[in-house]
């Protein structure tokens, strides 16, 4: 039998997927919490609370 049986490939895929998810999550968290982006996110967080002056039908 070769060294690439189902269990080996499944274990590798699980571990690689976990590492990939962790890297993407950390990159997104870093982007969101970067100090220079604080004002941008603060303004965006207030957008749903602002009144619309346009008439929507």
PDB file of N, CA and C in Angstrom:
ATOM      1  N   UNK A   1       0.833  -1.177   0.000  1.00  0.00           N
ATOM      2  CA  UNK A   1       0.000   0.000   0.000  1.00  0.00           C
ATOM      3  C   UNK A   1       0.884   1.251   0.000  1.00  0.00           C
ATOM      4  N   UNK A   2       0.411   2.312  -0.615  1.00  0.00           N
ATOM      5  CA  UNK A   2       1.204   3.548  -0.629  1.00  0.00           C
ATOM      6  C   UNK A   2       0.998   4.310   0.675  1.00  0.00           C
ATOM      7  N   UNK A   3       1.790   5.324   0.891  1.00  0.00           N
ATOM      8  CA  UNK A   3       1.706   6.112   2.113  1.00  0.00           C
ATOM      9  C   UNK A   3       0.558   7.102   2.125  1.00  0.00           C
ATOM     10  N   UNK A   4      -0.153   7.225   1.005  1.00  0.00           N
ATOM     11  CA  UNK A   4      -1.251   8.189   0.922  1.00  0.00           C
ATOM     12  C   UNK A   4      -2.595   7.475   1.003  1.00  0.00           C
ATOM     13  N   UNK A   5      -2.904   6.922   2.145  1.00  0.00           N
ATOM     14  CA  UNK A   5      -4.216   6.328   2.305  1.00  0.00           C
ATOM     15  C   UNK A   5      -5.207   7.401   2.765  1.00  0.00           C
ATOM     16  N   UNK A   6      -6.450   7.035   2.878  1.00  0.00           N
ATOM     17  CA  UNK A   6      -7.507   8.004   3.185  1.00  0.00           C
ATOM     18  C   UNK A   6      -7.265   8.730   4.505  1.00  0.00           C
ATOM     19  N   UNK A   7      -6.881   7.994   5.530  1.00  0.00           N
ATOM     20  CA  UNK A   7      -6.695   8.603   6.852  1.00  0.00           C
ATOM     21  C   UNK A   7      -5.586   9.659   6.836  1.00  0.00           C
ATOM     22  N   UNK A   8      -4.516   9.387   6.112  1.00  0.00           N
ATOM     23  CA  UNK A   8      -3.402  10.326   6.022  1.00  0.00           C
ATOM     24  C   UNK A   8      -3.823  11.607   5.314  1.00  0.00           C
ATOM     25  N   UNK A   9      -4.511  11.452   4.195  1.00  0.00           N
ATOM     26  CA  UNK A   9      -4.956  12.619   3.438  1.00  0.00           C
ATOM     27  C   UNK A   9      -5.991  13.403   4.229  1.00  0.00           C
ATOM     28  N   UNK A  10      -6.917  12.725   4.899  1.00  0.00           N
ATOM     29  CA  UNK A  10      -7.943  13.401   5.689  1.00  0.00           C
ATOM     30  C   UNK A  10      -7.318  14.167   6.852  1.00  0.00           C
ATOM     31  N   UNK A  11      -6.361  13.563   7.521  1.00  0.00           N
ATOM     32  CA  UNK A  11      -5.694  14.236   8.642  1.00  0.00           C
ATOM     33  C   UNK A  11      -4.949  15.481   8.155  1.00  0.00           C
ATOM     34  N   UNK A  12      -4.246  15.342   7.025  1.00  0.00           N
ATOM     35  CA  UNK A  12      -3.527  16.490   6.467  1.00  0.00           C
ATOM     36  C   UNK A  12      -4.506  17.602   6.081  1.00  0.00           C
ATOM     37  N   UNK A  13      -5.623  17.252   5.445  1.00  0.00           N
ATOM     38  CA  UNK A  13      -6.600  18.254   5.029  1.00  0.00           C
ATOM     39  C   UNK A  13      -7.207  18.966   6.232  1.00  0.00           C
ATOM     40  N   UNK A  14      -7.471  18.245   7.310  1.00  0.00           N
ATOM     41  CA  UNK A  14      -8.020  18.858   8.515  1.00  0.00           C
ATOM     42  C   UNK A  14      -7.024  19.828   9.141  1.00  0.00           C
ATOM     43  N   UNK A  15      -5.795  19.411   9.242  1.00  0.00           N
ATOM     44  CA  UNK A  15      -4.781  20.265   9.846  1.00  0.00           C
ATOM     45  C   UNK A  15      -4.482  21.482   8.978  1.00  0.00           C
ATOM     46  N   UNK A  16      -4.370  21.277   7.671  1.00  0.00           N
ATOM     47  CA  UNK A  16      -4.099  22.393   6.770  1.00  0.00           C
ATOM     48  C   UNK A  16      -5.274  23.354   6.750  1.00  0.00           C
ATOM     49  N   UNK A  17      -6.486  22.836   6.776  1.00  0.00           N
ATOM     50  CA  UNK A  17      -7.668  23.691   6.803  1.00  0.00           C
ATOM     51  C   UNK A  17      -7.744  24.524   8.068  1.00  0.00           C
ATOM     52  N   UNK A  18      -7.390  23.926   9.192  1.00  0.00           N
ATOM     53  CA  UNK A  18      -7.382  24.661  10.455  1.00  0.00           C
ATOM     54  C   UNK A  18      -6.342  25.780  10.428  1.00  0.00           C
ATOM     55  N   UNK A  19      -5.164  25.480   9.914  1.00  0.00           N
ATOM     56  CA  UNK A  19      -4.122  26.508   9.819  1.00  0.00           C
ATOM     57  C   UNK A  19      -4.523  27.615   8.855  1.00  0.00           C
ATOM     58  N   UNK A  20      -5.142  27.245   7.734  1.00  0.00           N
ATOM     59  CA  UNK A  20      -5.598  28.228   6.752  1.00  0.00           C
ATOM     60  C   UNK A  20      -6.667  29.135   7.366  1.00  0.00           C
ATOM     61  N   UNK A  21      -7.648  28.547   8.040  1.00  0.00           N
ATOM     62  CA  UNK A  21      -8.692  29.333   8.697  1.00  0.00           C
ATOM     63  C   UNK A  21      -8.088  30.266   9.739  1.00  0.00           C
ATOM     64  N   UNK A  22      -7.158  29.765  10.529  1.00  0.00           N
ATOM     65  CA  UNK A  22      -6.515  30.596  11.552  1.00  0.00           C
ATOM     66  C   UNK A  22      -5.766  31.771  10.941  1.00  0.00           C
ATOM     67  N   UNK A  23      -5.078  31.538   9.830  1.00  0.00           N
ATOM     68  CA  UNK A  23      -4.335  32.614   9.177  1.00  0.00           C
ATOM     69  C   UNK A  23      -5.274  33.673   8.610  1.00  0.00           C
ATOM     70  N   UNK A  24      -6.354  33.237   7.956  1.00  0.00           N
ATOM     71  CA  UNK A  24      -7.317  34.185   7.400  1.00  0.00           C
ATOM     72  C   UNK A  24      -8.007  34.959   8.516  1.00  0.00           C
ATOM     73  N   UNK A  25      -8.383  34.281   9.601  1.00  0.00           N
ATOM     74  CA  UNK A  25      -9.022  34.948  10.733  1.00  0.00           C
ATOM     75  C   UNK A  25      -8.087  35.986  11.344  1.00  0.00           C
ATOM     76  N   UNK A  26      -6.829  35.625  11.547  1.00  0.00           N
ATOM     77  CA  UNK A  26      -5.862  36.549  12.139  1.00  0.00           C
ATOM     78  C   UNK A  26      -5.630  37.751  11.225  1.00  0.00           C
ATOM     79  N   UNK A  27      -5.581  37.527   9.905  1.00  0.00           N
ATOM     80  CA  UNK A  27      -5.403  38.634   8.964  1.00  0.00           C
ATOM     81  C   UNK A  27      -6.594  39.580   9.011  1.00  0.00           C
ATOM     82  N   UNK A  28      -7.797  39.035   9.072  1.00  0.00           N
ATOM     83  CA  UNK A  28      -8.991  39.879   9.162  1.00  0.00           C
ATOM     84  C   UNK A  28      -9.048  40.640  10.467  1.00  0.00           C
ATOM     85  N   UNK A  29      -8.697  40.005  11.543  1.00  0.00           N
ATOM     86  CA  UNK A  29      -8.688  40.662  12.852  1.00  0.00           C
ATOM     87  C   UNK A  29      -7.649  41.777  12.891  1.00  0.00           C
ATOM     88  N   UNK A  30      -6.484  41.516  12.331  1.00  0.00           N
ATOM     89  CA  UNK A  30      -5.442  42.536  12.271  1.00  0.00           C
ATOM     90  C   UNK A  30      -5.895  43.727  11.436  1.00  0.00           C
ATOM     91  N   UNK A  31      -6.520  43.449  10.294  1.00  0.00           N
ATOM     92  CA  UNK A  31      -7.037  44.529   9.435  1.00  0.00           C
ATOM     93  C   UNK A  31      -8.071  45.370  10.188  1.00  0.00           C
ATOM     94  N   UNK A  32      -8.981  44.724  10.886  1.00  0.00           N
ATOM     95  CA  UNK A  32     -10.061  45.442  11.560  1.00  0.00           C
ATOM     96  C   UNK A  32      -9.571  46.240  12.768  1.00  0.00           C
ATOM     97  N   UNK A  33      -8.552  45.755  13.434  1.00  0.00           N
ATOM     98  CA  UNK A  33      -8.101  46.414  14.664  1.00  0.00           C
ATOM     99  C   UNK A  33      -6.865  47.289  14.468  1.00  0.00           C
ATOM    100  N   UNK A  34      -6.411  47.458  13.240  1.00  0.00           N
ATOM    101  CA  UNK A  34      -5.244  48.295  12.982  1.00  0.00           C
ATOM    102  C   UNK A  34      -5.559  49.729  13.396  1.00  0.00           C
ATOM    103  N   UNK A  35      -4.689  50.392  14.162  1.00  0.00           N
ATOM    104  CA  UNK A  35      -4.996  51.721  14.695  1.00  0.00           C
ATOM    105  C   UNK A  35      -5.354  52.771  13.638  1.00  0.00           C
ATOM    106  N   UNK A  36      -4.768  52.727  12.479  1.00  0.00           N
ATOM    107  CA  UNK A  36      -5.061  53.753  11.474  1.00  0.00           C
ATOM    108  C   UNK A  36      -6.455  53.588  10.876  1.00  0.00           C
ATOM    109  N   UNK A  37      -7.091  52.459  11.068  1.00  0.00           N
ATOM    110  CA  UNK A  37      -8.437  52.222  10.532  1.00  0.00           C
ATOM    111  C   UNK A  37      -9.534  52.517  11.549  1.00  0.00           C
ATOM    112  N   UNK A  38      -9.178  52.909  12.742  1.00  0.00           N
ATOM    113  CA  UNK A  38     -10.147  53.129  13.819  1.00  0.00           C
ATOM    114  C   UNK A  38     -11.213  54.150  13.434  1.00  0.00           C
ATOM    115  N   UNK A  39     -10.805  55.272  12.903  1.00  0.00           N
ATOM    116  CA  UNK A  39     -11.763  56.324  12.545  1.00  0.00           C
ATOM    117  C   UNK A  39     -12.697  55.865  11.426  1.00  0.00           C
ATOM    118  N   UNK A  40     -12.178  55.152  10.464  1.00  0.00           N
ATOM    119  CA  UNK A  40     -13.010  54.650   9.364  1.00  0.00           C
ATOM    120  C   UNK A  40     -14.092  53.714   9.887  1.00  0.00           C
ATOM    121  N   UNK A  41     -13.717  52.780  10.747  1.00  0.00           N
ATOM    122  CA  UNK A  41     -14.700  51.842  11.288  1.00  0.00           C
ATOM    123  C   UNK A  41     -15.671  52.542  12.231  1.00  0.00           C
ATOM    124  N   UNK A  42     -15.225  53.555  12.945  1.00  0.00           N
ATOM    125  CA  UNK A  42     -16.137  54.292  13.816  1.00  0.00           C
ATOM    126  C   UNK A  42     -17.209  54.998  12.986  1.00  0.00           C
ATOM    127  N   UNK A  43     -16.791  55.637  11.879  1.00  0.00           N
ATOM    128  CA  UNK A  43     -17.766  56.298  10.997  1.00  0.00           C
ATOM    129  C   UNK A  43     -18.722  55.286  10.386  1.00  0.00           C
ATOM    130  N   UNK A  44     -18.203  54.167   9.926  1.00  0.00           N
ATOM    131  CA  UNK A  44     -19.065  53.143   9.324  1.00  0.00           C
ATOM    132  C   UNK A  44     -20.053  52.571  10.327  1.00  0.00           C
ATOM    133  N   UNK A  45     -19.652  52.485  11.593  1.00  0.00           N
ATOM    134  CA  UNK A  45     -20.554  51.935  12.600  1.00  0.00           C
ATOM    135  C   UNK A  45     -21.735  52.863  12.870  1.00  0.00           C
ATOM    136  N   UNK A  46     -21.591  54.139  12.557  1.00  0.00           N
ATOM    137  CA  UNK A  46     -22.674  55.093  12.782  1.00  0.00           C
ATOM    138  C   UNK A  46     -23.617  55.224  11.587  1.00  0.00           C
ATOM    139  N   UNK A  47     -23.263  54.685  10.436  1.00  0.00           N
ATOM    140  CA  UNK A  47     -24.092  54.809   9.242  1.00  0.00           C
ATOM    141  C   UNK A  47     -25.522  54.290   9.424  1.00  0.00           C
ATOM    142  N   UNK A  48     -25.756  53.152  10.046  1.00  0.00           N
ATOM    143  CA  UNK A  48     -27.145  52.691  10.194  1.00  0.00           C
ATOM    144  C   UNK A  48     -27.998  53.609  11.079  1.00  0.00           C
ATOM    145  N   UNK A  49     -27.357  54.409  11.894  1.00  0.00           N
ATOM    146  CA  UNK A  49     -28.095  55.274  12.812  1.00  0.00           C
ATOM    147  C   UNK A  49     -28.412  56.644  12.234  1.00  0.00           C
ATOM    148  N   UNK A  50     -27.805  56.974  11.106  1.00  0.00           N
ATOM    149  CA  UNK A  50     -28.042  58.275  10.494  1.00  0.00           C
ATOM    150  C   UNK A  50     -29.391  58.302   9.786  1.00  0.00           C
ATOM    151  N   UNK A  51     -30.015  59.478   9.782  1.00  0.00           N
ATOM    152  CA  UNK A  51     -31.281  59.647   9.080  1.00  0.00           C
ATOM    153  C   UNK A  51     -31.023  59.778   7.594  1.00  0.00           C
ATOM    154  N   UNK A  52     -31.895  59.149   6.821  1.00  0.00           N
ATOM    155  CA  UNK A  52     -31.850  59.313   5.375  1.00  0.00           C
ATOM    156  C   UNK A  52     -32.661  60.539   5.002  1.00  0.00           C
ATOM    157  N   UNK A  53     -32.091  61.398   4.200  1.00  0.00           N
ATOM    158  CA  UNK A  53     -32.811  62.574   3.758  1.00  0.00           C
ATOM    159  C   UNK A  53     -33.513  62.331   2.423  1.00  0.00           C
ATOM    160  N   UNK A  54     -33.209  61.201   1.816  1.00  0.00           N
ATOM    161  CA  UNK A  54     -33.864  60.859   0.538  1.00  0.00           C
ATOM    162  C   UNK A  54     -35.188  60.169   0.838  1.00  0.00           C
ATOM    163  N   UNK A  55     -36.156  60.428  -0.036  1.00  0.00           N
ATOM    164  CA  UNK A  55     -37.446  59.757   0.080  1.00  0.00           C
ATOM    165  C   UNK A  55     -37.354  58.386  -0.575  1.00  0.00           C
ATOM    166  N   UNK A  56     -37.662  57.362   0.173  1.00  0.00           N
ATOM    167  CA  UNK A  56     -37.687  56.009  -0.387  1.00  0.00           C
ATOM    168  C   UNK A  56     -39.133  55.581  -0.519  1.00  0.00           C
ATOM    169  N   UNK A  57     -39.453  55.068  -1.677  1.00  0.00           N
ATOM    170  CA  UNK A  57     -40.838  54.623  -1.902  1.00  0.00           C
ATOM    171  C   UNK A  57     -40.905  53.131  -1.808  1.00  0.00           C
TER     172      UNK A  57
END
